[in-house]
Amino acid sequence: MPVTINDVEVMSDDGKLTEDFSPSMLGDAYKDSKLFTKARDITAIMKVAHDSKSSLSEATATLKNAIQKPPADATEAQKAEYKTMLKKELGAPDSVAAYVAKKIEGAVWEPEVARVFKDSFFEEGIPADAFARIVEKLDTCRVEIENQRFTAESESFKVAHPGDKLITGLRTALKAIIQFATPEQKEITDKIRDGKMLDNPSLEAVKSLGLSPSIVSNWESIGNAMKSDVAITNEGVASDLGKNTPREGTAEATIAGTYTHPSSVKSRQERGLAY
């Protein structure tokens, strides 16, 4: 049965559009429609209608799951919610505990620095896998730079300590660490004792303590100074110079309590001092 619009036949019995059909017959909104350029029969039109509906449904579903950017006049709460949703969509973890990185040998993080670093990544919503990659690259770079610096300082240390002076200098530094290290450095002194590093001191052993050759040089200077009490003066301090039993609070009492190295004691004995 033919189809007519305003007494004009627009579709014949075989379901095909006639030459008299014009999209404008459906209303001004459809006058520029390109749909009927290719879809010239009822079958093609029905297929297009079906496909369009399916595409629209898919687009609607996608749009429903999409994160909508808040309007320009959005409240701070709306903006914050939008940022939170974006972070989660990009893979941000639910807690700082998710930030775990591969351990690179030689790379050491101070606990507080590591905490701040992880907290910062969490606040910015960085994905856990990105954190792992960044830290691994950072640690690898740090270790490489530290190794280069250690090698350069080692060469300088060896030049300043030719022959037997290398062993003597290292041993003096290690002894000074044992005797004058702070309680917080107990782990280092324990390693020196447990590893019997005084028996066979080396720059490699020093490196295992996390110390650089330049720091060892400083400890060596302390060790050399501590072997003698000449650094102590009586200026501004009560003195019992020449007495065998110095009073508490005097320079001599300070010397006796501080400079306990055998060479210091021997030096004082040679000068006829009991302390």
C-alpha atoms as a PDB file:
ATOM      1  CA  MET A   1       0.000   0.000   0.000  1.00  0.00           C
ATOM      2  CA  PRO A   2       1.475   3.349  -1.059  1.00  0.00           C
ATOM      3  CA  VAL A   3       2.313   5.965   1.604  1.00  0.00           C
ATOM      4  CA  THR A   4       1.283   9.575   1.032  1.00  0.00           C
ATOM      5  CA  ILE A   5       2.012  12.904   2.690  1.00  0.00           C
ATOM      6  CA  ASN A   6      -0.411  15.701   1.908  1.00  0.00           C
ATOM      7  CA  ASP A   7      -1.855  13.609  -0.955  1.00  0.00           C
ATOM      8  CA  VAL A   8       1.634  13.166  -2.427  1.00  0.00           C
ATOM      9  CA  GLU A   9       2.814   9.574  -2.813  1.00  0.00           C
ATOM     10  CA  VAL A  10       6.181   9.338  -1.081  1.00  0.00           C
ATOM     11  CA  MET A  11       6.574   5.538  -0.853  1.00  0.00           C
ATOM     12  CA  SER A  12       5.404   2.980  -3.381  1.00  0.00           C
ATOM     13  CA  ASP A  13       4.011  -0.500  -2.783  1.00  0.00           C
ATOM     14  CA  ASP A  14       7.521  -2.020  -2.850  1.00  0.00           C
ATOM     15  CA  GLY A  15       8.577   0.148   0.112  1.00  0.00           C
ATOM     16  CA  LYS A  16      10.823   2.454  -1.852  1.00  0.00           C
ATOM     17  CA  LEU A  17      10.763   6.245  -1.612  1.00  0.00           C
ATOM     18  CA  THR A  18       9.425   8.003  -4.688  1.00  0.00           C
ATOM     19  CA  GLU A  19      11.120  10.884  -6.473  1.00  0.00           C
ATOM     20  CA  ASP A  20       8.384  13.164  -5.109  1.00  0.00           C
ATOM     21  CA  PHE A  21       9.541  12.635  -1.520  1.00  0.00           C
ATOM     22  CA  SER A  22      11.446  15.474   0.126  1.00  0.00           C
ATOM     23  CA  PRO A  23      12.698  15.539   3.741  1.00  0.00           C
ATOM     24  CA  SER A  24      11.070  18.965   4.148  1.00  0.00           C
ATOM     25  CA  MET A  25       7.703  17.179   4.010  1.00  0.00           C
ATOM     26  CA  LEU A  26       8.499  15.948   7.567  1.00  0.00           C
ATOM     27  CA  GLY A  27       8.915  19.530   8.792  1.00  0.00           C
ATOM     28  CA  ASP A  28      11.465  22.331   8.559  1.00  0.00           C
ATOM     29  CA  ALA A  29      13.687  20.637  11.132  1.00  0.00           C
ATOM     30  CA  TYR A  30      14.292  17.779   8.677  1.00  0.00           C
ATOM     31  CA  LYS A  31      14.670  19.663   5.412  1.00  0.00           C
ATOM     32  CA  ASP A  32      18.479  19.367   5.419  1.00  0.00           C
ATOM     33  CA  SER A  33      18.552  15.751   6.577  1.00  0.00           C
ATOM     34  CA  LYS A  34      21.003  13.523   4.701  1.00  0.00           C
ATOM     35  CA  LEU A  35      19.410  10.348   6.020  1.00  0.00           C
ATOM     36  CA  PHE A  36      17.282   9.751   2.967  1.00  0.00           C
ATOM     37  CA  THR A  37      20.139  10.286   0.511  1.00  0.00           C
ATOM     38  CA  LYS A  38      21.238   6.653   0.918  1.00  0.00           C
ATOM     39  CA  ALA A  39      18.302   5.159   2.793  1.00  0.00           C
ATOM     40  CA  ARG A  40      15.779   5.073  -0.048  1.00  0.00           C
ATOM     41  CA  ASP A  41      13.543   2.201   1.102  1.00  0.00           C
ATOM     42  CA  ILE A  42      11.755   1.115   4.263  1.00  0.00           C
ATOM     43  CA  THR A  43      14.279  -1.634   5.031  1.00  0.00           C
ATOM     44  CA  ALA A  44      17.258   0.753   4.942  1.00  0.00           C
ATOM     45  CA  ILE A  45      15.361   3.358   6.966  1.00  0.00           C
ATOM     46  CA  MET A  46      14.506   0.804   9.672  1.00  0.00           C
ATOM     47  CA  LYS A  47      18.146  -0.334   9.872  1.00  0.00           C
ATOM     48  CA  VAL A  48      19.351   3.241  10.250  1.00  0.00           C
ATOM     49  CA  ALA A  49      16.753   3.867  12.953  1.00  0.00           C
ATOM     50  CA  HIS A  50      17.836   0.724  14.829  1.00  0.00           C
ATOM     51  CA  ASP A  51      21.556   1.501  14.582  1.00  0.00           C
ATOM     52  CA  SER A  52      20.971   5.088  15.670  1.00  0.00           C
ATOM     53  CA  LYS A  53      19.040   3.959  18.720  1.00  0.00           C
ATOM     54  CA  SER A  54      21.795   1.473  19.658  1.00  0.00           C
ATOM     55  CA  SER A  55      24.504   4.111  19.264  1.00  0.00           C
ATOM     56  CA  LEU A  56      22.478   6.561  21.316  1.00  0.00           C
ATOM     57  CA  SER A  57      22.023   3.983  24.082  1.00  0.00           C
ATOM     58  CA  GLU A  58      25.773   3.264  24.153  1.00  0.00           C
ATOM     59  CA  ALA A  59      26.591   6.963  24.201  1.00  0.00           C
ATOM     60  CA  THR A  60      24.112   7.522  27.014  1.00  0.00           C
ATOM     61  CA  ALA A  61      25.626   4.687  29.038  1.00  0.00           C
ATOM     62  CA  THR A  62      29.139   6.041  28.451  1.00  0.00           C
ATOM     63  CA  LEU A  63      28.073   9.549  29.400  1.00  0.00           C
ATOM     64  CA  LYS A  64      26.409   8.205  32.534  1.00  0.00           C
ATOM     65  CA  ASN A  65      29.721   6.687  33.673  1.00  0.00           C
ATOM     66  CA  ALA A  66      31.794   9.681  32.607  1.00  0.00           C
ATOM     67  CA  ILE A  67      33.172  12.107  35.170  1.00  0.00           C
ATOM     68  CA  GLN A  68      31.495  15.394  34.460  1.00  0.00           C
ATOM     69  CA  LYS A  69      33.587  18.531  34.863  1.00  0.00           C
ATOM     70  CA  PRO A  70      31.904  20.871  37.333  1.00  0.00           C
ATOM     71  CA  PRO A  71      30.560  24.190  36.025  1.00  0.00           C
ATOM     72  CA  ALA A  72      32.472  27.445  36.362  1.00  0.00           C
ATOM     73  CA  ASP A  73      30.370  28.454  39.367  1.00  0.00           C
ATOM     74  CA  ALA A  74      30.857  25.128  41.155  1.00  0.00           C
ATOM     75  CA  THR A  75      31.373  25.159  44.915  1.00  0.00           C
ATOM     76  CA  GLU A  76      34.685  24.182  46.505  1.00  0.00           C
ATOM     77  CA  ALA A  77      33.057  20.957  47.688  1.00  0.00           C
ATOM     78  CA  GLN A  78      32.004  20.096  44.117  1.00  0.00           C
ATOM     79  CA  LYS A  79      35.486  20.859  42.807  1.00  0.00           C
ATOM     80  CA  ALA A  80      37.064  18.701  45.532  1.00  0.00           C
ATOM     81  CA  GLU A  81      34.709  15.823  44.726  1.00  0.00           C
ATOM     82  CA  TYR A  82      35.570  16.145  41.029  1.00  0.00           C
ATOM     83  CA  LYS A  83      39.307  16.003  41.781  1.00  0.00           C
ATOM     84  CA  THR A  84      38.836  12.973  44.025  1.00  0.00           C
ATOM     85  CA  MET A  85      36.888  11.147  41.313  1.00  0.00           C
ATOM     86  CA  LEU A  86      39.556  11.971  38.738  1.00  0.00           C
ATOM     87  CA  LYS A  87      42.325  10.672  41.002  1.00  0.00           C
ATOM     88  CA  LYS A  88      40.514   7.388  41.550  1.00  0.00           C
ATOM     89  CA  GLU A  89      39.785   7.055  37.840  1.00  0.00           C
ATOM     90  CA  LEU A  90      43.500   7.524  37.102  1.00  0.00           C
ATOM     91  CA  GLY A  91      44.433   4.801  39.591  1.00  0.00           C
ATOM     92  CA  ALA A  92      45.113   6.655  42.828  1.00  0.00           C
ATOM     93  CA  PRO A  93      45.270   4.191  45.766  1.00  0.00           C
ATOM     94  CA  ASP A  94      42.995   4.316  48.791  1.00  0.00           C
ATOM     95  CA  SER A  95      45.852   4.561  51.286  1.00  0.00           C
ATOM     96  CA  VAL A  96      49.526   5.464  51.610  1.00  0.00           C
ATOM     97  CA  ALA A  97      50.285   1.806  52.363  1.00  0.00           C
ATOM     98  CA  ALA A  98      49.858   1.031  48.665  1.00  0.00           C
ATOM     99  CA  TYR A  99      53.067   2.912  47.868  1.00  0.00           C
ATOM    100  CA  VAL A 100      55.738   0.213  47.734  1.00  0.00           C
ATOM    101  CA  ALA A 101      58.856   0.476  45.596  1.00  0.00           C
ATOM    102  CA  LYS A 102      61.579  -1.923  44.553  1.00  0.00           C
ATOM    103  CA  LYS A 103      64.556  -1.722  46.898  1.00  0.00           C
ATOM    104  CA  ILE A 104      67.738  -0.624  45.171  1.00  0.00           C
ATOM    105  CA  GLU A 105      70.931  -1.802  46.870  1.00  0.00           C
ATOM    106  CA  GLY A 106      72.734   1.115  48.456  1.00  0.00           C
ATOM    107  CA  ALA A 107      69.716   3.431  48.460  1.00  0.00           C
ATOM    108  CA  VAL A 108      68.730   4.507  51.958  1.00  0.00           C
ATOM    109  CA  TRP A 109      65.752   6.645  52.943  1.00  0.00           C
ATOM    110  CA  GLU A 110      65.431   8.433  56.249  1.00  0.00           C
ATOM    111  CA  PRO A 111      62.082   7.310  57.750  1.00  0.00           C
ATOM    112  CA  GLU A 112      60.740  10.858  58.006  1.00  0.00           C
ATOM    113  CA  VAL A 113      61.758  11.700  54.432  1.00  0.00           C
ATOM    114  CA  ALA A 114      60.124   8.509  53.164  1.00  0.00           C
ATOM    115  CA  ARG A 115      56.921   9.348  55.069  1.00  0.00           C
ATOM    116  CA  VAL A 116      56.714  12.871  53.638  1.00  0.00           C
ATOM    117  CA  PHE A 117      57.477  11.546  50.158  1.00  0.00           C
ATOM    118  CA  LYS A 118      54.679   8.973  50.293  1.00  0.00           C
ATOM    119  CA  ASP A 119      52.212  11.411  51.857  1.00  0.00           C
ATOM    120  CA  SER A 120      52.909  13.905  49.074  1.00  0.00           C
ATOM    121  CA  PHE A 121      52.289  11.295  46.379  1.00  0.00           C
ATOM    122  CA  PHE A 122      49.055  10.291  48.085  1.00  0.00           C
ATOM    123  CA  GLU A 123      47.850  13.896  48.339  1.00  0.00           C
ATOM    124  CA  GLU A 124      48.506  14.399  44.628  1.00  0.00           C
ATOM    125  CA  GLY A 125      46.707  11.166  43.756  1.00  0.00           C
ATOM    126  CA  ILE A 126      49.685   9.572  41.998  1.00  0.00           C
ATOM    127  CA  PRO A 127      49.000   5.910  41.081  1.00  0.00           C
ATOM    128  CA  ALA A 128      50.946   3.320  43.082  1.00  0.00           C
ATOM    129  CA  ASP A 129      52.652   1.877  39.983  1.00  0.00           C
ATOM    130  CA  ALA A 130      53.822   5.350  38.969  1.00  0.00           C
ATOM    131  CA  PHE A 131      55.240   5.839  42.468  1.00  0.00           C
ATOM    132  CA  ALA A 132      57.188   2.583  42.175  1.00  0.00           C
ATOM    133  CA  ARG A 133      58.657   3.572  38.799  1.00  0.00           C
ATOM    134  CA  ILE A 134      59.635   7.074  39.935  1.00  0.00           C
ATOM    135  CA  VAL A 135      61.263   5.903  43.169  1.00  0.00           C
ATOM    136  CA  GLU A 136      63.199   3.173  41.358  1.00  0.00           C
ATOM    137  CA  LYS A 137      64.579   5.701  38.868  1.00  0.00           C
ATOM    138  CA  LEU A 138      65.354   8.156  41.652  1.00  0.00           C
ATOM    139  CA  ASP A 139      67.130   5.561  43.802  1.00  0.00           C
ATOM    140  CA  THR A 140      69.119   4.237  40.850  1.00  0.00           C
ATOM    141  CA  CYS A 141      70.250   7.763  40.023  1.00  0.00           C
ATOM    142  CA  ARG A 142      71.116   8.525  43.660  1.00  0.00           C
ATOM    143  CA  VAL A 143      73.185   5.359  44.059  1.00  0.00           C
ATOM    144  CA  GLU A 144      75.040   6.030  40.814  1.00  0.00           C
ATOM    145  CA  ILE A 145      75.907   9.574  41.884  1.00  0.00           C
ATOM    146  CA  GLU A 146      76.931   8.453  45.377  1.00  0.00           C
ATOM    147  CA  ASN A 147      79.156   5.725  43.931  1.00  0.00           C
ATOM    148  CA  GLN A 148      80.854   8.226  41.648  1.00  0.00           C
ATOM    149  CA  ARG A 149      81.372  10.612  44.561  1.00  0.00           C
ATOM    150  CA  PHE A 150      82.690   7.820  46.802  1.00  0.00           C
ATOM    151  CA  THR A 151      85.165   6.731  44.110  1.00  0.00           C
ATOM    152  CA  ALA A 152      86.459  10.282  43.659  1.00  0.00           C
ATOM    153  CA  GLU A 153      86.803  10.854  47.422  1.00  0.00           C
ATOM    154  CA  SER A 154      88.504   7.475  47.837  1.00  0.00           C
ATOM    155  CA  GLU A 155      91.166   8.431  45.319  1.00  0.00           C
ATOM    156  CA  SER A 156      91.813  11.681  47.178  1.00  0.00           C
ATOM    157  CA  PHE A 157      91.960   9.832  50.506  1.00  0.00           C
ATOM    158  CA  LYS A 158      94.510   7.359  49.122  1.00  0.00           C
ATOM    159  CA  VAL A 159      96.681  10.175  47.777  1.00  0.00           C
ATOM    160  CA  ALA A 160      96.677  11.785  51.239  1.00  0.00           C
ATOM    161  CA  HIS A 161      97.425   8.418  52.890  1.00  0.00           C
ATOM    162  CA  PRO A 162     100.232   6.697  50.962  1.00  0.00           C
ATOM    163  CA  GLY A 163     101.509   3.314  52.034  1.00  0.00           C
ATOM    164  CA  ASP A 164     100.842   2.270  55.630  1.00  0.00           C
ATOM    165  CA  LYS A 165      99.185   5.614  56.358  1.00  0.00           C
ATOM    166  CA  LEU A 166      96.012   4.326  54.692  1.00  0.00           C
ATOM    167  CA  ILE A 167      95.511   1.581  57.291  1.00  0.00           C
ATOM    168  CA  THR A 168      96.624   3.847  60.138  1.00  0.00           C
ATOM    169  CA  GLY A 169      94.278   6.636  59.084  1.00  0.00           C
ATOM    170  CA  LEU A 170      91.284   4.331  58.705  1.00  0.00           C
ATOM    171  CA  ARG A 171      91.962   2.602  62.018  1.00  0.00           C
ATOM    172  CA  THR A 172      92.291   5.954  63.820  1.00  0.00           C
ATOM    173  CA  ALA A 173      88.977   7.114  62.353  1.00  0.00           C
ATOM    174  CA  LEU A 174      87.181   3.894  63.324  1.00  0.00           C
ATOM    175  CA  LYS A 175      88.557   4.060  66.881  1.00  0.00           C
ATOM    176  CA  ALA A 176      87.390   7.658  67.172  1.00  0.00           C
ATOM    177  CA  ILE A 177      83.900   6.660  66.049  1.00  0.00           C
ATOM    178  CA  ILE A 178      83.757   3.892  68.659  1.00  0.00           C
ATOM    179  CA  GLN A 179      84.912   6.187  71.432  1.00  0.00           C
ATOM    180  CA  PHE A 180      83.086   9.418  70.617  1.00  0.00           C
ATOM    181  CA  ALA A 181      80.033   8.466  68.546  1.00  0.00           C
ATOM    182  CA  THR A 182      76.662   9.582  69.870  1.00  0.00           C
ATOM    183  CA  PRO A 183      74.069   7.087  71.158  1.00  0.00           C
ATOM    184  CA  GLU A 184      72.205   7.529  67.865  1.00  0.00           C
ATOM    185  CA  GLN A 185      75.283   6.180  66.064  1.00  0.00           C
ATOM    186  CA  LYS A 186      75.366   2.969  68.091  1.00  0.00           C
ATOM    187  CA  GLU A 187      74.416   0.922  65.036  1.00  0.00           C
ATOM    188  CA  ILE A 188      77.608   2.077  63.327  1.00  0.00           C
ATOM    189  CA  THR A 189      79.837   1.332  66.309  1.00  0.00           C
ATOM    190  CA  ASP A 190      78.242  -2.109  66.634  1.00  0.00           C
ATOM    191  CA  LYS A 191      78.992  -2.851  62.994  1.00  0.00           C
ATOM    192  CA  ILE A 192      82.606  -1.811  63.491  1.00  0.00           C
ATOM    193  CA  ARG A 193      82.983  -4.141  66.466  1.00  0.00           C
ATOM    194  CA  ASP A 194      80.963  -7.062  65.110  1.00  0.00           C
ATOM    195  CA  GLY A 195      82.681  -6.853  61.736  1.00  0.00           C
ATOM    196  CA  LYS A 196      86.121  -6.621  63.386  1.00  0.00           C
ATOM    197  CA  MET A 197      86.874  -3.735  61.054  1.00  0.00           C
ATOM    198  CA  LEU A 198      89.753  -2.544  63.237  1.00  0.00           C
ATOM    199  CA  ASP A 199      91.625  -5.733  62.345  1.00  0.00           C
ATOM    200  CA  ASN A 200      91.398  -5.098  58.629  1.00  0.00           C
ATOM    201  CA  PRO A 201      90.155  -1.565  57.910  1.00  0.00           C
ATOM    202  CA  SER A 202      89.362  -0.664  54.316  1.00  0.00           C
ATOM    203  CA  LEU A 203      87.479   1.949  52.337  1.00  0.00           C
ATOM    204  CA  GLU A 204      85.001  -0.751  51.280  1.00  0.00           C
ATOM    205  CA  ALA A 205      84.267  -1.469  54.950  1.00  0.00           C
ATOM    206  CA  VAL A 206      83.778   2.242  55.547  1.00  0.00           C
ATOM    207  CA  LYS A 207      81.315   2.376  52.657  1.00  0.00           C
ATOM    208  CA  SER A 208      79.266  -0.420  54.233  1.00  0.00           C
ATOM    209  CA  LEU A 209      78.826   1.859  57.254  1.00  0.00           C
ATOM    210  CA  GLY A 210      77.280   4.513  55.036  1.00  0.00           C
ATOM    211  CA  LEU A 211      80.243   6.846  55.552  1.00  0.00           C
ATOM    212  CA  SER A 212      82.079   8.743  52.854  1.00  0.00           C
ATOM    213  CA  PRO A 213      85.880   9.126  52.780  1.00  0.00           C
ATOM    214  CA  SER A 214      85.501  12.837  53.577  1.00  0.00           C
ATOM    215  CA  ILE A 215      83.570  11.994  56.756  1.00  0.00           C
ATOM    216  CA  VAL A 216      86.211   9.414  57.637  1.00  0.00           C
ATOM    217  CA  SER A 217      88.838  12.141  57.286  1.00  0.00           C
ATOM    218  CA  ASN A 218      86.929  14.239  59.820  1.00  0.00           C
ATOM    219  CA  TRP A 219      86.800  11.316  62.244  1.00  0.00           C
ATOM    220  CA  GLU A 220      90.505  10.722  61.697  1.00  0.00           C
ATOM    221  CA  SER A 221      91.179  14.333  62.660  1.00  0.00           C
ATOM    222  CA  ILE A 222      89.095  13.850  65.805  1.00  0.00           C
ATOM    223  CA  GLY A 223      90.960  10.630  66.584  1.00  0.00           C
ATOM    224  CA  ASN A 224      94.342  12.292  66.189  1.00  0.00           C
ATOM    225  CA  ALA A 225      93.272  15.189  68.391  1.00  0.00           C
ATOM    226  CA  MET A 226      91.891  12.878  71.051  1.00  0.00           C
ATOM    227  CA  LYS A 227      95.244  11.108  71.352  1.00  0.00           C
ATOM    228  CA  SER A 228      96.617  14.236  72.969  1.00  0.00           C
ATOM    229  CA  ASP A 229      95.239  16.619  75.576  1.00  0.00           C
ATOM    230  CA  VAL A 230      97.018  19.663  74.194  1.00  0.00           C
ATOM    231  CA  ALA A 231      93.726  20.949  72.779  1.00  0.00           C
ATOM    232  CA  ILE A 232      92.421  21.626  76.295  1.00  0.00           C
ATOM    233  CA  THR A 233      93.346  24.979  77.768  1.00  0.00           C
ATOM    234  CA  ASN A 234      92.796  26.432  81.224  1.00  0.00           C
ATOM    235  CA  GLU A 235      91.430  29.695  79.907  1.00  0.00           C
ATOM    236  CA  GLY A 236      88.392  30.708  81.956  1.00  0.00           C
ATOM    237  CA  VAL A 237      88.506  27.480  83.991  1.00  0.00           C
ATOM    238  CA  ALA A 238      89.819  26.864  87.499  1.00  0.00           C
ATOM    239  CA  SER A 239      93.080  24.989  87.395  1.00  0.00           C
ATOM    240  CA  ASP A 240      94.890  22.508  89.627  1.00  0.00           C
ATOM    241  CA  LEU A 241      97.861  22.230  87.288  1.00  0.00           C
ATOM    242  CA  GLY A 242     100.583  20.168  88.887  1.00  0.00           C
ATOM    243  CA  LYS A 243      98.312  18.475  91.393  1.00  0.00           C
ATOM    244  CA  ASN A 244      97.808  14.737  91.243  1.00  0.00           C
ATOM    245  CA  THR A 245      94.157  14.856  92.273  1.00  0.00           C
ATOM    246  CA  PRO A 246      92.405  17.667  90.373  1.00  0.00           C
ATOM    247  CA  ARG A 247      89.128  18.988  91.706  1.00  0.00           C
ATOM    248  CA  GLU A 248      85.861  18.343  89.871  1.00  0.00           C
ATOM    249  CA  GLY A 249      85.128  21.056  87.333  1.00  0.00           C
ATOM    250  CA  THR A 250      88.741  21.983  86.681  1.00  0.00           C
ATOM    251  CA  ALA A 251      90.464  21.678  83.322  1.00  0.00           C
ATOM    252  CA  GLU A 252      92.593  18.825  84.637  1.00  0.00           C
ATOM    253  CA  ALA A 253      89.518  16.888  85.755  1.00  0.00           C
ATOM    254  CA  THR A 254      87.995  17.441  82.329  1.00  0.00           C
ATOM    255  CA  ILE A 255      91.152  16.143  80.679  1.00  0.00           C
ATOM    256  CA  ALA A 256      91.222  13.026  82.847  1.00  0.00           C
ATOM    257  CA  GLY A 257      87.564  12.260  82.121  1.00  0.00           C
ATOM    258  CA  THR A 258      87.640  13.020  78.402  1.00  0.00           C
ATOM    259  CA  TYR A 259      91.051  12.045  77.093  1.00  0.00           C
ATOM    260  CA  THR A 260      91.143   8.391  78.102  1.00  0.00           C
ATOM    261  CA  HIS A 261      93.065   7.211  75.077  1.00  0.00           C
ATOM    262  CA  PRO A 262      96.179   5.243  76.167  1.00  0.00           C
ATOM    263  CA  SER A 263      98.465   7.699  74.393  1.00  0.00           C
ATOM    264  CA  SER A 264      96.900  10.586  76.338  1.00  0.00           C
ATOM    265  CA  VAL A 265      97.295   8.801  79.650  1.00  0.00           C
ATOM    266  CA  LYS A 266     100.889   7.927  78.786  1.00  0.00           C
ATOM    267  CA  SER A 267     101.619  11.530  77.830  1.00  0.00           C
ATOM    268  CA  ARG A 268     100.372  12.801  81.174  1.00  0.00           C
ATOM    269  CA  GLN A 269     102.285  10.150  83.082  1.00  0.00           C
ATOM    270  CA  GLU A 270     105.476  11.144  81.296  1.00  0.00           C
ATOM    271  CA  ARG A 271     104.837  14.685  82.500  1.00  0.00           C
ATOM    272  CA  GLY A 272     104.550  13.428  86.071  1.00  0.00           C
ATOM    273  CA  LEU A 273     100.793  13.877  86.358  1.00  0.00           C
ATOM    274  CA  ALA A 274      98.728  11.199  88.050  1.00  0.00           C
ATOM    275  CA  TYR A 275      95.565  12.028  86.133  1.00  0.00           C
END
